[in-house]
């Protein structure tokens, strides 16, 4: 039996994923969580065969950092990250370098592809979307820190600094500082232009 932990911010999506995974005879969901901090805690407690994460899962650490921690703390566990193709190669790039421990699956994959990917990771075999892999290899060197990328990604839909701060458990001033730093590094005249440049370059 492959024990899995599910990490997704949206309760409805977590429930849907749990239904798909739990419907297989050889898979069982042992815990669900809506924040990276919660995923880390339950994963360390449950020691699952595979942790399934949404790449945009909020929390005090980003998904990249969570994956790095899990790789060290749970050497026998695989990690499957669900990535929206619109997110860009920059997000997948850092995670691609953690293969085969970390696998990448597009959110437009079928339920069958999801459960098959969990089985592959549990068996120690790599799971890597070819489009993400190619995009990550071709992406320019990213000048942004993990936290700057995380904050900039949250700002893509126009969310104000106070909302981003609440999601990431940071102060509003800290979020503004990260945004200002990111804009300066990218060279955009404003936040909107910086986000466009970063997306085109595959940095967020």
C-alpha atoms as a PDB file:
ATOM      1  CA  UNK A   1       0.000   0.000   0.000  1.00  0.00           C
ATOM      2  CA  UNK A   2       1.422   3.396  -1.034  1.00  0.00           C
ATOM      3  CA  UNK A   3       0.798   5.994   1.663  1.00  0.00           C
ATOM      4  CA  UNK A   4       0.319   9.522   0.332  1.00  0.00           C
ATOM      5  CA  UNK A   5       0.077  13.024   1.763  1.00  0.00           C
ATOM      6  CA  UNK A   6      -1.781  15.684  -0.228  1.00  0.00           C
ATOM      7  CA  UNK A   7      -0.910  19.381  -0.101  1.00  0.00           C
ATOM      8  CA  UNK A   8      -3.278  21.850  -1.804  1.00  0.00           C
ATOM      9  CA  UNK A   9      -4.587  25.220  -0.659  1.00  0.00           C
ATOM     10  CA  UNK A  10      -8.126  24.690  -1.950  1.00  0.00           C
ATOM     11  CA  UNK A  11     -10.291  22.332   0.110  1.00  0.00           C
ATOM     12  CA  UNK A  12     -12.359  21.336  -2.919  1.00  0.00           C
ATOM     13  CA  UNK A  13      -9.276  20.398  -4.953  1.00  0.00           C
ATOM     14  CA  UNK A  14      -7.796  18.491  -2.008  1.00  0.00           C
ATOM     15  CA  UNK A  15     -11.012  16.548  -1.728  1.00  0.00           C
ATOM     16  CA  UNK A  16     -11.044  15.776  -5.443  1.00  0.00           C
ATOM     17  CA  UNK A  17      -7.426  14.612  -5.360  1.00  0.00           C
ATOM     18  CA  UNK A  18      -8.154  12.521  -2.294  1.00  0.00           C
ATOM     19  CA  UNK A  19     -11.077  10.859  -4.032  1.00  0.00           C
ATOM     20  CA  UNK A  20      -8.972   9.985  -7.082  1.00  0.00           C
ATOM     21  CA  UNK A  21      -6.013   8.693  -5.083  1.00  0.00           C
ATOM     22  CA  UNK A  22      -8.060   6.928  -2.418  1.00  0.00           C
ATOM     23  CA  UNK A  23     -10.103   5.149  -5.047  1.00  0.00           C
ATOM     24  CA  UNK A  24      -7.131   2.977  -6.015  1.00  0.00           C
ATOM     25  CA  UNK A  25      -6.637  -0.346  -4.244  1.00  0.00           C
ATOM     26  CA  UNK A  26      -2.900   0.173  -3.741  1.00  0.00           C
ATOM     27  CA  UNK A  27      -3.026   3.847  -2.688  1.00  0.00           C
ATOM     28  CA  UNK A  28      -4.200   5.463   0.533  1.00  0.00           C
ATOM     29  CA  UNK A  29      -4.306   9.114   1.635  1.00  0.00           C
ATOM     30  CA  UNK A  30      -2.960   9.355   5.181  1.00  0.00           C
ATOM     31  CA  UNK A  31      -3.138  13.157   5.537  1.00  0.00           C
ATOM     32  CA  UNK A  32      -4.141  16.375   3.759  1.00  0.00           C
ATOM     33  CA  UNK A  33      -2.877  19.912   4.335  1.00  0.00           C
ATOM     34  CA  UNK A  34      -3.396  23.426   2.998  1.00  0.00           C
ATOM     35  CA  UNK A  35      -0.038  25.036   3.888  1.00  0.00           C
ATOM     36  CA  UNK A  36       3.579  24.055   3.304  1.00  0.00           C
ATOM     37  CA  UNK A  37       4.219  24.158   7.056  1.00  0.00           C
ATOM     38  CA  UNK A  38       1.376  21.706   7.655  1.00  0.00           C
ATOM     39  CA  UNK A  39       2.596  19.400   4.891  1.00  0.00           C
ATOM     40  CA  UNK A  40       6.052  19.260   6.461  1.00  0.00           C
ATOM     41  CA  UNK A  41       4.633  18.440   9.888  1.00  0.00           C
ATOM     42  CA  UNK A  42       2.297  15.663   8.719  1.00  0.00           C
ATOM     43  CA  UNK A  43       4.861  14.226   6.304  1.00  0.00           C
ATOM     44  CA  UNK A  44       7.445  13.923   9.062  1.00  0.00           C
ATOM     45  CA  UNK A  45       4.844  12.287  11.285  1.00  0.00           C
ATOM     46  CA  UNK A  46       3.363   9.932   8.674  1.00  0.00           C
ATOM     47  CA  UNK A  47       6.472   9.231   6.561  1.00  0.00           C
ATOM     48  CA  UNK A  48       4.476   8.604   3.358  1.00  0.00           C
ATOM     49  CA  UNK A  49       5.689   6.916   0.222  1.00  0.00           C
ATOM     50  CA  UNK A  50       4.733   9.963  -1.856  1.00  0.00           C
ATOM     51  CA  UNK A  51       3.858  13.591  -1.082  1.00  0.00           C
ATOM     52  CA  UNK A  52       1.656  15.302  -3.689  1.00  0.00           C
ATOM     53  CA  UNK A  53       1.954  19.111  -3.756  1.00  0.00           C
ATOM     54  CA  UNK A  54       0.424  22.002  -5.641  1.00  0.00           C
ATOM     55  CA  UNK A  55       3.302  24.199  -6.818  1.00  0.00           C
ATOM     56  CA  UNK A  56       1.470  27.310  -5.540  1.00  0.00           C
ATOM     57  CA  UNK A  57       0.890  25.918  -2.035  1.00  0.00           C
ATOM     58  CA  UNK A  58       1.229  28.851   0.403  1.00  0.00           C
ATOM     59  CA  UNK A  59       3.062  28.898   3.715  1.00  0.00           C
ATOM     60  CA  UNK A  60       6.080  30.330   5.489  1.00  0.00           C
ATOM     61  CA  UNK A  61       8.372  28.383   3.126  1.00  0.00           C
ATOM     62  CA  UNK A  62       7.860  28.007  -0.615  1.00  0.00           C
ATOM     63  CA  UNK A  63       7.381  24.686  -2.364  1.00  0.00           C
ATOM     64  CA  UNK A  64      11.004  24.618  -3.581  1.00  0.00           C
ATOM     65  CA  UNK A  65      12.237  24.915  -0.018  1.00  0.00           C
ATOM     66  CA  UNK A  66       9.726  22.351   1.206  1.00  0.00           C
ATOM     67  CA  UNK A  67      10.879  19.865  -1.434  1.00  0.00           C
ATOM     68  CA  UNK A  68      14.521  20.367  -0.473  1.00  0.00           C
ATOM     69  CA  UNK A  69      13.690  19.767   3.195  1.00  0.00           C
ATOM     70  CA  UNK A  70      11.601  16.684   2.453  1.00  0.00           C
ATOM     71  CA  UNK A  71      14.336  15.205   0.249  1.00  0.00           C
ATOM     72  CA  UNK A  72      16.725  15.342   3.187  1.00  0.00           C
ATOM     73  CA  UNK A  73      14.308  14.446   5.979  1.00  0.00           C
ATOM     74  CA  UNK A  74      12.463  11.667   4.125  1.00  0.00           C
ATOM     75  CA  UNK A  75      14.990  10.000   1.814  1.00  0.00           C
ATOM     76  CA  UNK A  76      12.606   7.142   1.030  1.00  0.00           C
ATOM     77  CA  UNK A  77       9.700   9.385  -0.022  1.00  0.00           C
ATOM     78  CA  UNK A  78       8.937  10.663  -3.496  1.00  0.00           C
ATOM     79  CA  UNK A  79       7.447  14.104  -4.128  1.00  0.00           C
ATOM     80  CA  UNK A  80       5.021  14.826  -6.949  1.00  0.00           C
ATOM     81  CA  UNK A  81       4.504  18.518  -7.725  1.00  0.00           C
ATOM     82  CA  UNK A  82       1.471  19.571  -9.748  1.00  0.00           C
ATOM     83  CA  UNK A  83       2.326  22.517 -12.011  1.00  0.00           C
ATOM     84  CA  UNK A  84       0.052  24.710 -14.130  1.00  0.00           C
ATOM     85  CA  UNK A  85       1.547  25.004 -17.624  1.00  0.00           C
ATOM     86  CA  UNK A  86       0.872  28.762 -17.512  1.00  0.00           C
ATOM     87  CA  UNK A  87       3.184  29.142 -14.512  1.00  0.00           C
ATOM     88  CA  UNK A  88       6.285  29.150 -16.704  1.00  0.00           C
ATOM     89  CA  UNK A  89       9.581  27.238 -16.844  1.00  0.00           C
ATOM     90  CA  UNK A  90      11.192  29.217 -14.053  1.00  0.00           C
ATOM     91  CA  UNK A  91       9.030  27.540 -11.435  1.00  0.00           C
ATOM     92  CA  UNK A  92       9.648  24.079 -12.818  1.00  0.00           C
ATOM     93  CA  UNK A  93      13.352  24.725 -13.365  1.00  0.00           C
ATOM     94  CA  UNK A  94      14.451  24.548  -9.729  1.00  0.00           C
ATOM     95  CA  UNK A  95      12.275  21.513  -9.115  1.00  0.00           C
ATOM     96  CA  UNK A  96      13.567  19.745 -12.224  1.00  0.00           C
ATOM     97  CA  UNK A  97      17.039  19.738 -10.697  1.00  0.00           C
ATOM     98  CA  UNK A  98      15.719  17.636  -7.798  1.00  0.00           C
ATOM     99  CA  UNK A  99      14.677  14.746 -10.062  1.00  0.00           C
ATOM    100  CA  UNK A 100      14.220  11.823  -9.678  1.00  0.00           C
ATOM    101  CA  UNK A 101      13.169  12.382  -6.053  1.00  0.00           C
ATOM    102  CA  UNK A 102      10.851  15.182  -7.181  1.00  0.00           C
ATOM    103  CA  UNK A 103       8.496  14.570 -10.088  1.00  0.00           C
ATOM    104  CA  UNK A 104       6.562  17.139 -12.111  1.00  0.00           C
ATOM    105  CA  UNK A 105       3.071  16.601 -13.483  1.00  0.00           C
ATOM    106  CA  UNK A 106       0.946  19.166 -15.329  1.00  0.00           C
ATOM    107  CA  UNK A 107      -2.404  20.037 -13.789  1.00  0.00           C
ATOM    108  CA  UNK A 108      -4.071  19.163 -17.098  1.00  0.00           C
ATOM    109  CA  UNK A 109      -3.009  15.517 -16.676  1.00  0.00           C
ATOM    110  CA  UNK A 110      -5.675  12.832 -16.389  1.00  0.00           C
ATOM    111  CA  UNK A 111      -6.578  11.075 -13.109  1.00  0.00           C
ATOM    112  CA  UNK A 112      -4.921   7.951 -14.520  1.00  0.00           C
ATOM    113  CA  UNK A 113      -1.689   9.853 -15.146  1.00  0.00           C
ATOM    114  CA  UNK A 114      -1.828  11.150 -11.577  1.00  0.00           C
ATOM    115  CA  UNK A 115      -2.102   7.754  -9.917  1.00  0.00           C
ATOM    116  CA  UNK A 116       0.423   6.201 -12.309  1.00  0.00           C
ATOM    117  CA  UNK A 117       2.879   8.999 -11.474  1.00  0.00           C
ATOM    118  CA  UNK A 118       2.465   8.319  -7.755  1.00  0.00           C
ATOM    119  CA  UNK A 119       3.241   4.654  -8.348  1.00  0.00           C
ATOM    120  CA  UNK A 120       6.303   5.511 -10.431  1.00  0.00           C
ATOM    121  CA  UNK A 121       7.751   7.807  -7.760  1.00  0.00           C
ATOM    122  CA  UNK A 122       7.018   5.274  -5.026  1.00  0.00           C
ATOM    123  CA  UNK A 123       9.030   2.758  -7.038  1.00  0.00           C
ATOM    124  CA  UNK A 124      11.939   5.175  -7.334  1.00  0.00           C
ATOM    125  CA  UNK A 125      11.397   5.933 -11.007  1.00  0.00           C
ATOM    126  CA  UNK A 126      11.452   9.523 -12.389  1.00  0.00           C
ATOM    127  CA  UNK A 127       8.322  11.434 -13.353  1.00  0.00           C
ATOM    128  CA  UNK A 128       9.030  14.492 -15.473  1.00  0.00           C
ATOM    129  CA  UNK A 129       6.821  16.331 -17.928  1.00  0.00           C
ATOM    130  CA  UNK A 130       8.876  16.740 -21.122  1.00  0.00           C
ATOM    131  CA  UNK A 131       7.592  20.253 -21.782  1.00  0.00           C
ATOM    132  CA  UNK A 132       8.670  21.409 -18.323  1.00  0.00           C
ATOM    133  CA  UNK A 133      12.064  19.745 -18.667  1.00  0.00           C
ATOM    134  CA  UNK A 134      12.811  21.345 -22.025  1.00  0.00           C
ATOM    135  CA  UNK A 135      11.606  24.763 -20.852  1.00  0.00           C
ATOM    136  CA  UNK A 136      13.693  24.562 -17.698  1.00  0.00           C
ATOM    137  CA  UNK A 137      16.842  23.713 -19.645  1.00  0.00           C
ATOM    138  CA  UNK A 138      16.316  26.615 -22.016  1.00  0.00           C
ATOM    139  CA  UNK A 139      15.381  29.226 -19.407  1.00  0.00           C
ATOM    140  CA  UNK A 140      17.822  32.069 -18.695  1.00  0.00           C
ATOM    141  CA  UNK A 141      19.607  32.217 -15.343  1.00  0.00           C
ATOM    142  CA  UNK A 142      17.104  33.451 -12.779  1.00  0.00           C
ATOM    143  CA  UNK A 143      18.362  36.506 -10.807  1.00  0.00           C
ATOM    144  CA  UNK A 144      15.559  36.273  -8.243  1.00  0.00           C
ATOM    145  CA  UNK A 145      15.732  34.608  -4.856  1.00  0.00           C
ATOM    146  CA  UNK A 146      13.174  31.925  -3.983  1.00  0.00           C
ATOM    147  CA  UNK A 147      11.228  34.372  -1.796  1.00  0.00           C
ATOM    148  CA  UNK A 148      11.265  37.100  -4.474  1.00  0.00           C
ATOM    149  CA  UNK A 149       9.896  34.612  -7.003  1.00  0.00           C
ATOM    150  CA  UNK A 150       7.241  33.487  -4.548  1.00  0.00           C
ATOM    151  CA  UNK A 151       6.090  37.040  -3.840  1.00  0.00           C
ATOM    152  CA  UNK A 152       6.188  38.029  -7.503  1.00  0.00           C
ATOM    153  CA  UNK A 153       4.098  34.988  -8.451  1.00  0.00           C
ATOM    154  CA  UNK A 154       1.483  36.033  -5.899  1.00  0.00           C
ATOM    155  CA  UNK A 155       1.437  39.522  -7.432  1.00  0.00           C
ATOM    156  CA  UNK A 156       0.693  38.281 -10.958  1.00  0.00           C
ATOM    157  CA  UNK A 157      -3.073  38.549 -10.494  1.00  0.00           C
ATOM    158  CA  UNK A 158      -2.783  42.067  -9.043  1.00  0.00           C
ATOM    159  CA  UNK A 159      -3.080  41.076  -5.379  1.00  0.00           C
ATOM    160  CA  UNK A 160      -2.112  43.969  -3.056  1.00  0.00           C
ATOM    161  CA  UNK A 161       0.880  43.639  -0.746  1.00  0.00           C
ATOM    162  CA  UNK A 162      -1.274  43.154   2.363  1.00  0.00           C
ATOM    163  CA  UNK A 163      -3.031  40.115   0.843  1.00  0.00           C
ATOM    164  CA  UNK A 164       0.263  38.583  -0.280  1.00  0.00           C
ATOM    165  CA  UNK A 165       1.666  39.201   3.189  1.00  0.00           C
ATOM    166  CA  UNK A 166      -1.267  37.395   4.816  1.00  0.00           C
ATOM    167  CA  UNK A 167      -0.885  34.393   2.499  1.00  0.00           C
ATOM    168  CA  UNK A 168       2.859  34.088   3.069  1.00  0.00           C
ATOM    169  CA  UNK A 169       2.844  34.974   6.775  1.00  0.00           C
ATOM    170  CA  UNK A 170       5.037  38.034   6.203  1.00  0.00           C
ATOM    171  CA  UNK A 171       4.626  41.683   7.102  1.00  0.00           C
ATOM    172  CA  UNK A 172       3.278  44.045   4.450  1.00  0.00           C
ATOM    173  CA  UNK A 173       6.526  46.003   4.559  1.00  0.00           C
ATOM    174  CA  UNK A 174       8.584  42.867   3.950  1.00  0.00           C
ATOM    175  CA  UNK A 175       6.461  41.981   0.922  1.00  0.00           C
ATOM    176  CA  UNK A 176       6.906  45.499  -0.484  1.00  0.00           C
ATOM    177  CA  UNK A 177      10.658  45.165  -0.003  1.00  0.00           C
ATOM    178  CA  UNK A 178      10.720  41.848  -1.867  1.00  0.00           C
ATOM    179  CA  UNK A 179       8.661  43.322  -4.698  1.00  0.00           C
ATOM    180  CA  UNK A 180      10.906  46.385  -4.961  1.00  0.00           C
ATOM    181  CA  UNK A 181      14.016  44.199  -4.973  1.00  0.00           C
ATOM    182  CA  UNK A 182      12.567  41.945  -7.663  1.00  0.00           C
ATOM    183  CA  UNK A 183      11.556  44.862  -9.878  1.00  0.00           C
ATOM    184  CA  UNK A 184      15.032  46.379  -9.520  1.00  0.00           C
ATOM    185  CA  UNK A 185      16.781  43.115 -10.422  1.00  0.00           C
ATOM    186  CA  UNK A 186      14.542  42.524 -13.422  1.00  0.00           C
ATOM    187  CA  UNK A 187      14.859  46.084 -14.677  1.00  0.00           C
ATOM    188  CA  UNK A 188      11.171  46.794 -15.181  1.00  0.00           C
ATOM    189  CA  UNK A 189       9.808  50.313 -14.900  1.00  0.00           C
ATOM    190  CA  UNK A 190       7.047  49.073 -12.600  1.00  0.00           C
ATOM    191  CA  UNK A 191       5.661  45.886 -11.108  1.00  0.00           C
ATOM    192  CA  UNK A 192       3.482  45.046 -14.122  1.00  0.00           C
ATOM    193  CA  UNK A 193       6.367  45.350 -16.582  1.00  0.00           C
ATOM    194  CA  UNK A 194       8.667  43.397 -14.247  1.00  0.00           C
ATOM    195  CA  UNK A 195       6.155  40.551 -14.026  1.00  0.00           C
ATOM    196  CA  UNK A 196       5.842  40.454 -17.827  1.00  0.00           C
ATOM    197  CA  UNK A 197       9.616  40.341 -18.269  1.00  0.00           C
ATOM    198  CA  UNK A 198       9.977  37.638 -15.617  1.00  0.00           C
ATOM    199  CA  UNK A 199       7.250  35.520 -17.196  1.00  0.00           C
ATOM    200  CA  UNK A 200       8.736  35.867 -20.674  1.00  0.00           C
ATOM    201  CA  UNK A 201      12.149  34.808 -19.296  1.00  0.00           C
ATOM    202  CA  UNK A 202      10.633  31.868 -17.404  1.00  0.00           C
ATOM    203  CA  UNK A 203      11.677  33.197 -13.994  1.00  0.00           C
ATOM    204  CA  UNK A 204       8.219  32.973 -12.370  1.00  0.00           C
END
